[in-house]
PDB file of N, CA and C in Angstrom:
ATOM      1  N   MET A   1     -15.303   2.381  -3.838  1.00  0.00           N
ATOM      2  CA  MET A   1     -15.046   1.086  -3.290  1.00  0.00           C
ATOM      3  C   MET A   1     -15.732   0.813  -2.058  1.00  0.00           C
ATOM      4  N   PRO A   2     -15.901  -0.366  -1.644  1.00  0.00           N
ATOM      5  CA  PRO A   2     -16.924  -0.810  -0.627  1.00  0.00           C
ATOM      6  C   PRO A   2     -16.219  -0.646   0.713  1.00  0.00           C
ATOM      7  N   LEU A   3     -17.057  -0.529   1.834  1.00  0.00           N
ATOM      8  CA  LEU A   3     -16.532  -0.860   3.128  1.00  0.00           C
ATOM      9  C   LEU A   3     -16.210  -2.205   3.307  1.00  0.00           C
ATOM     10  N   LEU A   4     -15.060  -2.574   3.682  1.00  0.00           N
ATOM     11  CA  LEU A   4     -14.613  -3.926   3.882  1.00  0.00           C
ATOM     12  C   LEU A   4     -15.050  -4.434   5.264  1.00  0.00           C
ATOM     13  N   THR A   5     -15.781  -5.339   5.450  1.00  0.00           N
ATOM     14  CA  THR A   5     -16.188  -5.817   6.828  1.00  0.00           C
ATOM     15  C   THR A   5     -15.303  -7.113   6.979  1.00  0.00           C
ATOM     16  N   ASN A   6     -15.159  -7.494   8.198  1.00  0.00           N
ATOM     17  CA  ASN A   6     -14.452  -8.601   8.682  1.00  0.00           C
ATOM     18  C   ASN A   6     -13.040  -8.807   8.084  1.00  0.00           C
ATOM     19  N   ALA A   7     -12.351  -7.655   7.958  1.00  0.00           N
ATOM     20  CA  ALA A   7     -11.049  -7.424   7.633  1.00  0.00           C
ATOM     21  C   ALA A   7     -10.172  -7.806   8.984  1.00  0.00           C
ATOM     22  N   ILE A   8      -8.949  -8.490   8.661  1.00  0.00           N
ATOM     23  CA  ILE A   8      -8.020  -8.751   9.637  1.00  0.00           C
ATOM     24  C   ILE A   8      -6.905  -7.739   9.721  1.00  0.00           C
ATOM     25  N   ILE A   9      -6.675  -7.227  10.861  1.00  0.00           N
ATOM     26  CA  ILE A   9      -5.538  -6.308  11.125  1.00  0.00           C
ATOM     27  C   ILE A   9      -4.465  -6.926  11.877  1.00  0.00           C
ATOM     28  N   THR A  10      -3.271  -6.860  11.310  1.00  0.00           N
ATOM     29  CA  THR A  10      -2.046  -7.365  12.170  1.00  0.00           C
ATOM     30  C   THR A  10      -1.075  -6.184  12.107  1.00  0.00           C
ATOM     31  N   PHE A  11       0.186  -6.248  12.712  1.00  0.00           N
ATOM     32  CA  PHE A  11       0.919  -5.285  12.959  1.00  0.00           C
ATOM     33  C   PHE A  11       2.289  -5.676  12.496  1.00  0.00           C
ATOM     34  N   TYR A  12       3.116  -4.795  11.911  1.00  0.00           N
ATOM     35  CA  TYR A  12       4.545  -5.240  11.635  1.00  0.00           C
ATOM     36  C   TYR A  12       5.582  -4.118  11.925  1.00  0.00           C
ATOM     37  N   CYS A  13       6.739  -4.230  11.956  1.00  0.00           N
ATOM     38  CA  CYS A  13       7.831  -3.295  12.097  1.00  0.00           C
ATOM     39  C   CYS A  13       8.828  -3.560  10.984  1.00  0.00           C
ATOM     40  N   ALA A  14       9.934  -3.024  10.902  1.00  0.00           N
ATOM     41  CA  ALA A  14      10.930  -3.110   9.941  1.00  0.00           C
ATOM     42  C   ALA A  14      12.083  -4.144  10.238  1.00  0.00           C
ATOM     43  N   CYS A  15      11.702  -4.976  11.383  1.00  0.00           N
ATOM     44  CA  CYS A  15      12.771  -5.992  11.801  1.00  0.00           C
ATOM     45  C   CYS A  15      12.979  -7.075  10.751  1.00  0.00           C
ATOM     46  N   THR A  16      13.977  -7.902  10.878  1.00  0.00           N
ATOM     47  CA  THR A  16      14.133  -9.172  10.074  1.00  0.00           C
ATOM     48  C   THR A  16      13.179 -10.173  10.469  1.00  0.00           C
ATOM     49  N   ILE A  17      12.600 -10.210  11.653  1.00  0.00           N
ATOM     50  CA  ILE A  17      11.290 -11.064  11.936  1.00  0.00           C
ATOM     51  C   ILE A  17      10.152 -10.841  11.135  1.00  0.00           C
ATOM     52  N   CYS A  18       9.753  -9.473  11.063  1.00  0.00           N
ATOM     53  CA  CYS A  18       8.660  -9.259  10.341  1.00  0.00           C
ATOM     54  C   CYS A  18       8.878  -9.043   8.827  1.00  0.00           C
ATOM     55  N   CYS A  19       9.967  -8.658   8.334  1.00  0.00           N
ATOM     56  CA  CYS A  19      10.362  -8.327   7.019  1.00  0.00           C
ATOM     57  C   CYS A  19      11.129  -9.108   6.339  1.00  0.00           C
ATOM     58  N   GLY A  20      11.935  -9.972   7.111  1.00  0.00           N
ATOM     59  CA  GLY A  20      12.905 -10.706   6.376  1.00  0.00           C
ATOM     60  C   GLY A  20      14.202 -10.199   6.315  1.00  0.00           C
ATOM     61  N   VAL A  21      15.285 -10.857   6.111  1.00  0.00           N
ATOM     62  CA  VAL A  21      16.529 -10.387   5.885  1.00  0.00           C
ATOM     63  C   VAL A  21      16.735  -9.589   4.721  1.00  0.00           C
ATOM     64  N   LYS A  22      17.298  -8.390   4.693  1.00  0.00           N
ATOM     65  CA  LYS A  22      17.598  -7.574   3.376  1.00  0.00           C
ATOM     66  C   LYS A  22      18.974  -7.683   3.262  1.00  0.00           C
ATOM     67  N   LYS A  23      19.401  -8.030   2.077  1.00  0.00           N
ATOM     68  CA  LYS A  23      20.718  -7.828   1.642  1.00  0.00           C
ATOM     69  C   LYS A  23      21.390  -6.491   1.800  1.00  0.00           C
ATOM     70  N   ASN A  24      20.533  -5.540   1.362  1.00  0.00           N
ATOM     71  CA  ASN A  24      20.930  -4.257   1.321  1.00  0.00           C
ATOM     72  C   ASN A  24      20.366  -3.466   2.586  1.00  0.00           C
ATOM     73  N   LYS A  25      21.216  -3.251   3.635  1.00  0.00           N
ATOM     74  CA  LYS A  25      20.665  -2.783   4.809  1.00  0.00           C
ATOM     75  C   LYS A  25      19.972  -1.363   4.677  1.00  0.00           C
ATOM     76  N   SER A  26      20.308  -0.628   3.687  1.00  0.00           N
ATOM     77  CA  SER A  26      19.696   0.633   3.447  1.00  0.00           C
ATOM     78  C   SER A  26      18.196   0.571   3.083  1.00  0.00           C
ATOM     79  N   LEU A  27      17.853  -0.740   2.662  1.00  0.00           N
ATOM     80  CA  LEU A  27      16.399  -0.864   2.192  1.00  0.00           C
ATOM     81  C   LEU A  27      15.464  -1.205   3.484  1.00  0.00           C
ATOM     82  N   ILE A  28      16.106  -1.468   4.582  1.00  0.00           N
ATOM     83  CA  ILE A  28      15.307  -1.836   5.825  1.00  0.00           C
ATOM     84  C   ILE A  28      14.370  -0.634   6.099  1.00  0.00           C
ATOM     85  N   GLY A  29      13.038  -0.829   6.223  1.00  0.00           N
ATOM     86  CA  GLY A  29      11.931   0.034   6.464  1.00  0.00           C
ATOM     87  C   GLY A  29      11.406   0.935   5.246  1.00  0.00           C
ATOM     88  N   ILE A  30      11.970   0.397   4.074  1.00  0.00           N
ATOM     89  CA  ILE A  30      11.498   1.094   2.712  1.00  0.00           C
ATOM     90  C   ILE A  30      10.237   0.167   2.438  1.00  0.00           C
ATOM     91  N   THR A  31       9.108   0.811   1.985  1.00  0.00           N
ATOM     92  CA  THR A  31       7.872   0.161   1.509  1.00  0.00           C
ATOM     93  C   THR A  31       8.036  -0.242   0.010  1.00  0.00           C
ATOM     94  N   ALA A  32       6.944  -1.006  -0.298  1.00  0.00           N
ATOM     95  CA  ALA A  32       6.784  -1.410  -1.766  1.00  0.00           C
ATOM     96  C   ALA A  32       6.734  -0.106  -2.604  1.00  0.00           C
ATOM     97  N   SER A  33       6.049   0.929  -2.136  1.00  0.00           N
ATOM     98  CA  SER A  33       6.022   2.247  -2.980  1.00  0.00           C
ATOM     99  C   SER A  33       7.248   2.963  -2.926  1.00  0.00           C
ATOM    100  N   GLY A  34       8.292   2.580  -2.232  1.00  0.00           N
ATOM    101  CA  GLY A  34       9.583   3.355  -2.190  1.00  0.00           C
ATOM    102  C   GLY A  34       9.699   4.350  -1.018  1.00  0.00           C
ATOM    103  N   THR A  35       8.602   4.494  -0.249  1.00  0.00           N
ATOM    104  CA  THR A  35       8.694   5.470   0.908  1.00  0.00           C
ATOM    105  C   THR A  35       9.160   4.720   2.088  1.00  0.00           C
ATOM    106  N   ARG A  36       9.666   5.569   3.045  1.00  0.00           N
ATOM    107  CA  ARG A  36      10.075   5.002   4.443  1.00  0.00           C
ATOM    108  C   ARG A  36       8.720   4.717   5.284  1.00  0.00           C
ATOM    109  N   ALA A  37       8.495   3.664   5.786  1.00  0.00           N
ATOM    110  CA  ALA A  37       7.415   3.319   6.595  1.00  0.00           C
ATOM    111  C   ALA A  37       7.400   4.369   7.797  1.00  0.00           C
ATOM    112  N   LYS A  38       6.146   4.833   8.162  1.00  0.00           N
ATOM    113  CA  LYS A  38       5.972   5.786   9.173  1.00  0.00           C
ATOM    114  C   LYS A  38       4.931   5.208  10.003  1.00  0.00           C
ATOM    115  N   GLN A  39       5.065   5.255  11.461  1.00  0.00           N
ATOM    116  CA  GLN A  39       4.029   4.782  12.381  1.00  0.00           C
ATOM    117  C   GLN A  39       2.865   5.693  12.231  1.00  0.00           C
ATOM    118  N   GLY A  40       1.658   5.204  12.412  1.00  0.00           N
ATOM    119  CA  GLY A  40       0.492   5.967  12.473  1.00  0.00           C
ATOM    120  C   GLY A  40       0.121   6.476  10.949  1.00  0.00           C
ATOM    121  N   GLN A  41       0.824   5.962   9.943  1.00  0.00           N
ATOM    122  CA  GLN A  41       0.565   6.528   8.606  1.00  0.00           C
ATOM    123  C   GLN A  41       0.457   5.296   7.653  1.00  0.00           C
ATOM    124  N   THR A  42       1.400   4.443   7.726  1.00  0.00           N
ATOM    125  CA  THR A  42       1.618   3.316   6.614  1.00  0.00           C
ATOM    126  C   THR A  42       0.873   2.120   7.104  1.00  0.00           C
ATOM    127  N   ILE A  43       0.181   1.597   5.978  1.00  0.00           N
ATOM    128  CA  ILE A  43      -0.502   0.400   6.276  1.00  0.00           C
ATOM    129  C   ILE A  43      -0.208  -0.550   4.953  1.00  0.00           C
ATOM    130  N   ALA A  44       0.100  -1.791   5.260  1.00  0.00           N
ATOM    131  CA  ALA A  44       0.304  -2.682   3.923  1.00  0.00           C
ATOM    132  C   ALA A  44      -0.887  -3.547   3.906  1.00  0.00           C
ATOM    133  N   SER A  45      -1.254  -3.700   2.577  1.00  0.00           N
ATOM    134  CA  SER A  45      -2.376  -4.604   2.181  1.00  0.00           C
ATOM    135  C   SER A  45      -2.057  -5.939   1.547  1.00  0.00           C
ATOM    136  N   GLY A  46      -2.692  -7.009   1.976  1.00  0.00           N
ATOM    137  CA  GLY A  46      -2.822  -8.077   1.456  1.00  0.00           C
ATOM    138  C   GLY A  46      -3.368  -8.368   0.076  1.00  0.00           C
ATOM    139  N   ASN A  47      -4.232  -7.524  -0.199  1.00  0.00           N
ATOM    140  CA  ASN A  47      -5.161  -7.455  -1.367  1.00  0.00           C
ATOM    141  C   ASN A  47      -4.159  -6.611  -2.506  1.00  0.00           C
ATOM    142  N   ARG A  48      -3.553  -7.223  -3.389  1.00  0.00           N
ATOM    143  CA  ARG A  48      -2.768  -6.505  -4.344  1.00  0.00           C
ATOM    144  C   ARG A  48      -3.597  -5.869  -5.462  1.00  0.00           C
ATOM    145  N   SER A  49      -5.014  -6.075  -5.457  1.00  0.00           N
ATOM    146  CA  SER A  49      -5.711  -5.243  -6.389  1.00  0.00           C
ATOM    147  C   SER A  49      -6.071  -3.900  -5.924  1.00  0.00           C
ATOM    148  N   ILE A  50      -5.815  -3.510  -4.591  1.00  0.00           N
ATOM    149  CA  ILE A  50      -5.973  -2.213  -4.013  1.00  0.00           C
ATOM    150  C   ILE A  50      -4.528  -1.461  -4.486  1.00  0.00           C
ATOM    151  N   PRO A  51      -4.714  -0.352  -5.212  1.00  0.00           N
ATOM    152  CA  PRO A  51      -3.392   0.277  -5.532  1.00  0.00           C
ATOM    153  C   PRO A  51      -2.600   0.987  -4.495  1.00  0.00           C
ATOM    154  N   LEU A  52      -1.241   0.917  -4.671  1.00  0.00           N
ATOM    155  CA  LEU A  52      -0.476   1.602  -3.509  1.00  0.00           C
ATOM    156  C   LEU A  52      -0.918   2.985  -3.687  1.00  0.00           C
ATOM    157  N   GLY A  53      -0.895   3.793  -2.640  1.00  0.00           N
ATOM    158  CA  GLY A  53      -1.127   5.210  -2.447  1.00  0.00           C
ATOM    159  C   GLY A  53      -2.651   5.363  -2.161  1.00  0.00           C
ATOM    160  N   THR A  54      -3.438   4.262  -2.086  1.00  0.00           N
ATOM    161  CA  THR A  54      -4.912   4.358  -1.685  1.00  0.00           C
ATOM    162  C   THR A  54      -4.964   4.596  -0.236  1.00  0.00           C
ATOM    163  N   LYS A  55      -5.912   5.593   0.159  1.00  0.00           N
ATOM    164  CA  LYS A  55      -6.087   5.874   1.675  1.00  0.00           C
ATOM    165  C   LYS A  55      -7.181   4.972   2.177  1.00  0.00           C
ATOM    166  N   VAL A  56      -6.943   4.528   3.428  1.00  0.00           N
ATOM    167  CA  VAL A  56      -8.029   3.652   4.016  1.00  0.00           C
ATOM    168  C   VAL A  56      -8.235   4.217   5.532  1.00  0.00           C
ATOM    169  N   GLU A  57      -9.579   3.920   5.850  1.00  0.00           N
ATOM    170  CA  GLU A  57      -9.699   4.448   7.326  1.00  0.00           C
ATOM    171  C   GLU A  57      -9.943   3.372   8.180  1.00  0.00           C
ATOM    172  N   TRP A  58      -9.250   3.318   9.331  1.00  0.00           N
ATOM    173  CA  TRP A  58      -9.482   2.188  10.224  1.00  0.00           C
ATOM    174  C   TRP A  58      -9.455   2.817  11.705  1.00  0.00           C
ATOM    175  N   ASN A  59     -10.499   2.512  12.463  1.00  0.00           N
ATOM    176  CA  ASN A  59     -10.518   2.975  13.739  1.00  0.00           C
ATOM    177  C   ASN A  59     -10.419   4.505  13.964  1.00  0.00           C
ATOM    178  N   GLY A  60     -11.050   5.258  13.060  1.00  0.00           N
ATOM    179  CA  GLY A  60     -11.156   6.686  12.946  1.00  0.00           C
ATOM    180  C   GLY A  60      -9.812   7.422  12.508  1.00  0.00           C
ATOM    181  N   LYS A  61      -8.833   6.617  11.990  1.00  0.00           N
ATOM    182  CA  LYS A  61      -7.639   7.046  11.526  1.00  0.00           C
ATOM    183  C   LYS A  61      -7.425   6.738  10.081  1.00  0.00           C
ATOM    184  N   VAL A  62      -6.791   7.652   9.352  1.00  0.00           N
ATOM    185  CA  VAL A  62      -6.578   7.364   7.818  1.00  0.00           C
ATOM    186  C   VAL A  62      -5.164   6.999   7.683  1.00  0.00           C
ATOM    187  N   TYR A  63      -4.992   6.004   7.093  1.00  0.00           N
ATOM    188  CA  TYR A  63      -3.635   5.308   6.645  1.00  0.00           C
ATOM    189  C   TYR A  63      -3.500   5.253   5.067  1.00  0.00           C
ATOM    190  N   ILE A  64      -2.353   5.237   4.717  1.00  0.00           N
ATOM    191  CA  ILE A  64      -1.851   5.262   3.359  1.00  0.00           C
ATOM    192  C   ILE A  64      -1.343   3.915   3.043  1.00  0.00           C
ATOM    193  N   ILE A  65      -2.052   3.098   1.956  1.00  0.00           N
ATOM    194  CA  ILE A  65      -1.455   1.727   1.560  1.00  0.00           C
ATOM    195  C   ILE A  65      -0.119   2.021   0.726  1.00  0.00           C
ATOM    196  N   GLU A  66       1.147   1.822   1.471  1.00  0.00           N
ATOM    197  CA  GLU A  66       2.383   2.070   0.913  1.00  0.00           C
ATOM    198  C   GLU A  66       3.221   0.843   0.743  1.00  0.00           C
ATOM    199  N   ASP A  67       2.630  -0.153   1.343  1.00  0.00           N
ATOM    200  CA  ASP A  67       3.326  -1.538   1.448  1.00  0.00           C
ATOM    201  C   ASP A  67       2.532  -2.663   1.072  1.00  0.00           C
ATOM    202  N   ARG A  68       3.110  -3.893   0.870  1.00  0.00           N
ATOM    203  CA  ARG A  68       2.376  -5.178   0.366  1.00  0.00           C
ATOM    204  C   ARG A  68       2.783  -6.146   1.454  1.00  0.00           C
ATOM    205  N   MET A  69       1.873  -7.176   1.764  1.00  0.00           N
ATOM    206  CA  MET A  69       2.126  -8.146   2.704  1.00  0.00           C
ATOM    207  C   MET A  69       2.644  -9.262   1.837  1.00  0.00           C
ATOM    208  N   ALA A  70       3.127 -10.324   2.453  1.00  0.00           N
ATOM    209  CA  ALA A  70       3.665 -11.522   1.645  1.00  0.00           C
ATOM    210  C   ALA A  70       2.613 -12.011   0.668  1.00  0.00           C
ATOM    211  N   LYS A  71       3.130 -12.420  -0.575  1.00  0.00           N
ATOM    212  CA  LYS A  71       2.160 -12.857  -1.554  1.00  0.00           C
ATOM    213  C   LYS A  71       1.120 -13.969  -1.081  1.00  0.00           C
ATOM    214  N   LYS A  72       1.524 -14.717   0.048  1.00  0.00           N
ATOM    215  CA  LYS A  72       0.590 -15.692   0.542  1.00  0.00           C
ATOM    216  C   LYS A  72      -0.666 -15.079   1.069  1.00  0.00           C
ATOM    217  N   TYR A  73      -0.706 -13.712   1.361  1.00  0.00           N
ATOM    218  CA  TYR A  73      -1.827 -13.125   1.902  1.00  0.00           C
ATOM    219  C   TYR A  73      -2.833 -12.595   0.711  1.00  0.00           C
ATOM    220  N   ASN A  74      -2.393 -12.666  -0.526  1.00  0.00           N
ATOM    221  CA  ASN A  74      -3.075 -12.309  -1.583  1.00  0.00           C
ATOM    222  C   ASN A  74      -3.987 -13.431  -2.295  1.00  0.00           C
ATOM    223  N   TYR A  75      -4.871 -13.784  -1.562  1.00  0.00           N
ATOM    224  CA  TYR A  75      -5.828 -14.951  -1.821  1.00  0.00           C
ATOM    225  C   TYR A  75      -7.343 -14.421  -1.777  1.00  0.00           C
ATOM    226  N   ASP A  76      -8.189 -14.795  -2.635  1.00  0.00           N
ATOM    227  CA  ASP A  76      -9.519 -14.639  -2.761  1.00  0.00           C
ATOM    228  C   ASP A  76      -9.723 -12.987  -2.336  1.00  0.00           C
ATOM    229  N   ASN A  77      -9.071 -12.074  -2.962  1.00  0.00           N
ATOM    230  CA  ASN A  77      -9.277 -10.777  -2.626  1.00  0.00           C
ATOM    231  C   ASN A  77      -9.138 -10.473  -1.086  1.00  0.00           C
ATOM    232  N   SER A  78      -8.113 -10.923  -0.435  1.00  0.00           N
ATOM    233  CA  SER A  78      -7.751 -11.014   1.089  1.00  0.00           C
ATOM    234  C   SER A  78      -8.231  -9.552   1.521  1.00  0.00           C
ATOM    235  N   GLU A  79      -8.812  -9.515   2.727  1.00  0.00           N
ATOM    236  CA  GLU A  79      -9.183  -8.442   3.406  1.00  0.00           C
ATOM    237  C   GLU A  79      -8.238  -8.403   4.599  1.00  0.00           C
ATOM    238  N   ARG A  80      -6.985  -8.465   4.469  1.00  0.00           N
ATOM    239  CA  ARG A  80      -5.970  -8.613   5.503  1.00  0.00           C
ATOM    240  C   ARG A  80      -5.066  -7.164   5.260  1.00  0.00           C
ATOM    241  N   PHE A  81      -4.867  -6.435   6.465  1.00  0.00           N
ATOM    242  CA  PHE A  81      -4.006  -5.264   6.444  1.00  0.00           C
ATOM    243  C   PHE A  81      -2.961  -5.477   7.699  1.00  0.00           C
ATOM    244  N   ASP A  82      -1.794  -4.812   7.353  1.00  0.00           N
ATOM    245  CA  ASP A  82      -0.729  -4.882   8.290  1.00  0.00           C
ATOM    246  C   ASP A  82      -0.329  -3.417   8.601  1.00  0.00           C
ATOM    247  N   VAL A  83      -0.570  -2.980   9.829  1.00  0.00           N
ATOM    248  CA  VAL A  83      -0.277  -1.581  10.255  1.00  0.00           C
ATOM    249  C   VAL A  83       1.075  -1.542  10.741  1.00  0.00           C
ATOM    250  N   TYR A  84       1.924  -0.475  10.178  1.00  0.00           N
ATOM    251  CA  TYR A  84       3.315  -0.393  10.577  1.00  0.00           C
ATOM    252  C   TYR A  84       3.494   0.397  12.004  1.00  0.00           C
ATOM    253  N   LEU A  85       4.284  -0.276  12.736  1.00  0.00           N
ATOM    254  CA  LEU A  85       4.812   0.463  14.015  1.00  0.00           C
ATOM    255  C   LEU A  85       6.285   0.294  14.154  1.00  0.00           C
ATOM    256  N   THR A  86       6.812   1.221  14.978  1.00  0.00           N
ATOM    257  CA  THR A  86       8.222   1.365  15.101  1.00  0.00           C
ATOM    258  C   THR A  86       9.076   0.249  15.788  1.00  0.00           C
ATOM    259  N   SER A  87       8.338  -0.374  16.617  1.00  0.00           N
ATOM    260  CA  SER A  87       9.082  -1.482  17.347  1.00  0.00           C
ATOM    261  C   SER A  87       8.231  -2.800  17.288  1.00  0.00           C
ATOM    262  N   HIS A  88       9.262  -3.844  17.281  1.00  0.00           N
ATOM    263  CA  HIS A  88       8.808  -5.136  17.169  1.00  0.00           C
ATOM    264  C   HIS A  88       7.850  -5.533  18.512  1.00  0.00           C
ATOM    265  N   GLU A  89       8.241  -5.084  19.635  1.00  0.00           N
ATOM    266  CA  GLU A  89       7.530  -5.355  20.827  1.00  0.00           C
ATOM    267  C   GLU A  89       6.098  -4.866  20.598  1.00  0.00           C
ATOM    268  N   GLU A  90       6.009  -3.538  20.189  1.00  0.00           N
ATOM    269  CA  GLU A  90       4.675  -3.033  19.931  1.00  0.00           C
ATOM    270  C   GLU A  90       3.760  -3.769  18.886  1.00  0.00           C
ATOM    271  N   ALA A  91       4.565  -4.256  17.785  1.00  0.00           N
ATOM    272  CA  ALA A  91       3.754  -4.957  16.811  1.00  0.00           C
ATOM    273  C   ALA A  91       3.413  -6.394  17.353  1.00  0.00           C
ATOM    274  N   ARG A  92       4.163  -7.016  18.093  1.00  0.00           N
ATOM    275  CA  ARG A  92       3.815  -8.233  18.609  1.00  0.00           C
ATOM    276  C   ARG A  92       2.648  -8.129  19.571  1.00  0.00           C
ATOM    277  N   LYS A  93       2.619  -7.081  20.376  1.00  0.00           N
ATOM    278  CA  LYS A  93       1.476  -7.000  21.447  1.00  0.00           C
ATOM    279  C   LYS A  93       0.374  -6.654  20.720  1.00  0.00           C
ATOM    280  N   GLY A  94       0.400  -5.996  19.526  1.00  0.00           N
ATOM    281  CA  GLY A  94      -0.872  -5.637  18.723  1.00  0.00           C
ATOM    282  C   GLY A  94      -1.793  -6.837  18.427  1.00  0.00           C
ATOM    283  N   GLY A  95      -1.100  -7.961  18.176  1.00  0.00           N
ATOM    284  CA  GLY A  95      -1.862  -9.230  17.837  1.00  0.00           C
ATOM    285  C   GLY A  95      -2.469  -9.266  16.581  1.00  0.00           C
ATOM    286  N   ILE A  96      -3.623  -9.973  16.523  1.00  0.00           N
ATOM    287  CA  ILE A  96      -4.369 -10.131  15.289  1.00  0.00           C
ATOM    288  C   ILE A  96      -5.762  -9.733  15.623  1.00  0.00           C
ATOM    289  N   LEU A  97      -6.194  -8.640  14.973  1.00  0.00           N
ATOM    290  CA  LEU A  97      -7.634  -8.162  15.227  1.00  0.00           C
ATOM    291  C   LEU A  97      -8.618  -8.636  14.092  1.00  0.00           C
ATOM    292  N   ARG A  98      -9.496  -9.269  14.590  1.00  0.00           N
ATOM    293  CA  ARG A  98     -10.451  -9.923  13.397  1.00  0.00           C
ATOM    294  C   ARG A  98     -11.779  -8.974  13.253  1.00  0.00           C
ATOM    295  N   GLN A  99     -12.388  -9.082  12.276  1.00  0.00           N
ATOM    296  CA  GLN A  99     -13.834  -8.466  12.098  1.00  0.00           C
ATOM    297  C   GLN A  99     -13.664  -6.902  12.238  1.00  0.00           C
ATOM    298  N   GLN A 100     -12.735  -6.349  11.748  1.00  0.00           N
ATOM    299  CA  GLN A 100     -12.487  -4.911  11.735  1.00  0.00           C
ATOM    300  C   GLN A 100     -12.986  -4.396  10.497  1.00  0.00           C
ATOM    301  N   LYS A 101     -13.545  -3.194  10.574  1.00  0.00           N
ATOM    302  CA  LYS A 101     -14.157  -2.418   9.505  1.00  0.00           C
ATOM    303  C   LYS A 101     -13.192  -1.405   8.981  1.00  0.00           C
ATOM    304  N   ILE A 102     -12.839  -1.795   7.612  1.00  0.00           N
ATOM    305  CA  ILE A 102     -11.817  -0.752   6.857  1.00  0.00           C
ATOM    306  C   ILE A 102     -12.595  -0.079   5.796  1.00  0.00           C
ATOM    307  N   LYS A 103     -12.479   1.188   5.684  1.00  0.00           N
ATOM    308  CA  LYS A 103     -13.199   1.797   4.725  1.00  0.00           C
ATOM    309  C   LYS A 103     -12.223   2.404   3.647  1.00  0.00           C
ATOM    310  N   ILE A 104     -12.331   2.041   2.377  1.00  0.00           N
ATOM    311  CA  ILE A 104     -11.492   2.479   1.238  1.00  0.00           C
ATOM    312  C   ILE A 104     -11.888   3.933   0.920  1.00  0.00           C
ATOM    313  N   LEU A 105     -11.083   4.844   0.927  1.00  0.00           N
ATOM    314  CA  LEU A 105     -11.277   6.152   0.522  1.00  0.00           C
ATOM    315  C   LEU A 105     -10.897   6.371  -0.774  1.00  0.00           C
ATOM    316  N   LYS A 106     -11.661   7.200  -1.514  1.00  0.00           N
ATOM    317  CA  LYS A 106     -11.319   7.529  -3.021  1.00  0.00           C
ATOM    318  C   LYS A 106     -10.395   8.577  -3.042  1.00  0.00           C
TER     319      LYS A 106
END
């Protein structure tokens, strides 16, 4: 798979602001792949054509795509990724990083 340029990186946590209200509280922090999100390891992809479990490298660190962003971000093979952090304050401070290079690892 190619090196994705001009990717957008955002940040999220498991709160109701970032992920919405869950009817089942035990599902809070559970990713689309069924794992518990982990800071420094979990990344969500807006591009649903990239399989869950795929490893990507960003900023010298390897993450695993274990989650999905909202369906509205799956447009034109979106190059948008959402990095998991444990606190909403950290996620909010992370902001939106544009033109980031993401390397899809095989």
